[in-house]
Amino acid sequence: MVYRLLCDENVEHEIGFRLENYGHDIEHVDFVQSLGKGISDGRIAEYSISENRLIVTYDDDFVIDFDGDSYQAVLYIPDLSLSPATVADVIHEMSVYYEQSEISGVESVTTEWL
């Protein structure tokens, strides 16, 4: 299944490229004209709802400071040591089992999915 994803500014571009190669619809905050580097997390959350995109992030602010109604959903990467290839593989593996509409709140991107 294809996910519509919004990569936060702290997410390596390689992750987005790899997810695109898997067939997912990717936007990166850096390249969305209405967002851009340095945009507030609140604006990213709003954009995720209006554009029906899951947020991919290392930023725990989405876990701590927002409730699940503030955004479409968050794919949170808690382990900074995961390679971009592994992160992309995990997210793609999630998409094999769950449609985007079934993802809500915060879902941790960990190797337990592999």
Protein backbone atom coordinates (compact mmCIF):
# COMPACT_ATOMS: atom_id res chain seq x y z
CA MET A 1 0.00 0.00 0.00
CA VAL A 2 1.19 3.51 -0.74
CA TYR A 3 1.67 5.99 2.08
CA ARG A 4 1.48 9.76 1.67
CA LEU A 5 4.38 10.99 3.80
CA LEU A 6 5.78 14.32 4.96
CA CYS A 7 9.40 14.12 6.09
CA ASP A 8 10.28 16.62 8.81
CA GLU A 9 13.33 18.85 8.31
CA ASN A 10 15.48 16.58 10.49
CA VAL A 11 14.88 13.53 8.27
CA GLU A 12 17.64 12.66 5.83
CA HIS A 13 16.69 13.15 2.19
CA GLU A 14 17.95 9.64 1.51
CA ILE A 15 15.01 8.26 3.50
CA GLY A 16 12.60 10.09 1.22
CA PHE A 17 14.41 8.93 -1.92
CA ARG A 18 14.31 5.31 -0.76
CA LEU A 19 10.62 5.55 0.13
CA GLU A 20 9.90 7.06 -3.30
CA ASN A 21 11.68 4.07 -4.84
CA TYR A 22 9.26 1.84 -2.91
CA GLY A 23 6.43 3.80 -4.57
CA HIS A 24 5.35 6.03 -1.69
CA ASP A 25 4.25 9.65 -2.19
CA ILE A 26 6.88 11.76 -0.44
CA GLU A 27 7.14 15.43 0.43
CA HIS A 28 9.97 16.90 2.49
CA VAL A 29 9.42 20.01 4.61
CA ASP A 30 12.50 21.56 2.97
CA PHE A 31 10.86 21.48 -0.46
CA VAL A 32 7.22 22.33 0.30
CA GLN A 33 6.81 25.99 -0.61
CA SER A 34 4.27 26.70 2.14
CA LEU A 35 6.50 25.08 4.79
CA GLY A 36 10.32 25.13 4.50
CA LYS A 37 13.17 24.67 6.95
CA GLY A 38 12.47 26.23 10.34
CA ILE A 39 8.66 26.09 10.08
CA SER A 40 6.86 25.44 13.36
CA ASP A 41 5.83 21.93 14.35
CA GLY A 42 2.27 23.23 14.67
CA ARG A 43 2.22 24.25 11.02
CA ILE A 44 3.65 20.86 10.01
CA ALA A 45 0.88 19.17 12.01
CA GLU A 46 -1.79 21.30 10.30
CA TYR A 47 -0.32 20.54 6.89
CA SER A 48 -0.36 16.81 7.61
CA ILE A 49 -4.10 17.00 8.23
CA SER A 50 -4.95 19.22 5.26
CA GLU A 51 -2.83 17.14 2.86
CA ASN A 52 -3.55 13.72 4.43
CA ARG A 53 0.12 12.95 5.09
CA LEU A 54 1.84 10.96 7.82
CA ILE A 55 4.70 12.89 9.43
CA VAL A 56 8.08 11.12 9.50
CA THR A 57 10.31 12.59 12.21
CA TYR A 58 13.04 12.11 14.79
CA ASP A 59 11.53 15.05 16.73
CA ASP A 60 9.96 13.94 20.01
CA ASP A 61 8.04 17.23 20.21
CA PHE A 62 5.31 15.51 18.20
CA VAL A 63 5.20 12.80 20.88
CA ILE A 64 5.37 15.10 23.93
CA ASP A 65 3.71 18.39 22.94
CA PHE A 66 0.86 17.33 20.64
CA ASP A 67 -2.13 15.06 20.99
CA GLY A 68 -3.25 12.67 18.26
CA ASP A 69 -5.93 15.04 16.96
CA SER A 70 -3.31 17.66 16.09
CA TYR A 71 -1.93 15.76 13.09
CA GLN A 72 -2.79 12.99 10.65
CA ALA A 73 -0.33 10.60 12.35
CA VAL A 74 3.36 10.53 13.25
CA LEU A 75 5.92 7.90 12.34
CA TYR A 76 8.44 8.62 15.08
CA ILE A 77 12.04 7.40 14.75
CA PRO A 78 13.34 7.14 18.35
CA ASP A 79 16.64 5.43 17.48
CA LEU A 80 19.06 7.91 15.91
CA SER A 81 21.48 5.10 15.07
CA LEU A 82 19.17 3.55 12.45
CA SER A 83 20.50 4.00 8.94
CA PRO A 84 18.34 5.79 6.35
CA ALA A 85 18.00 2.46 4.52
CA THR A 86 16.68 0.76 7.66
CA VAL A 87 14.22 3.57 8.40
CA ALA A 88 12.86 3.38 4.85
CA ASP A 89 12.65 -0.42 5.03
CA VAL A 90 10.72 -0.26 8.32
CA ILE A 91 8.21 2.31 7.03
CA HIS A 92 7.70 0.33 3.84
CA GLU A 93 7.21 -2.86 5.87
CA MET A 94 4.54 -1.08 7.93
CA SER A 95 2.75 -0.22 4.69
CA VAL A 96 2.61 -3.89 3.74
CA TYR A 97 0.45 -4.64 6.79
CA TYR A 98 -1.43 -1.40 7.48
CA GLU A 99 -3.18 1.02 5.18
CA GLN A 100 -2.49 4.67 5.85
CA SER A 101 -6.02 5.12 7.19
CA GLU A 102 -5.25 2.56 9.91
CA ILE A 103 -2.30 4.55 11.27
CA SER A 104 -3.15 7.11 13.95
CA GLY A 105 -1.43 8.86 16.81
CA VAL A 106 2.26 8.05 17.13
CA GLU A 107 3.75 4.87 15.70
CA SER A 108 7.39 4.13 16.50
CA VAL A 109 9.65 3.26 13.60
CA THR A 110 11.82 0.48 15.03
CA THR A 111 13.50 -2.64 13.73
CA GLU A 112 10.85 -4.74 15.48
CA TRP A 113 8.82 -4.24 12.28
CA LEU A 114 11.41 -6.13 10.23
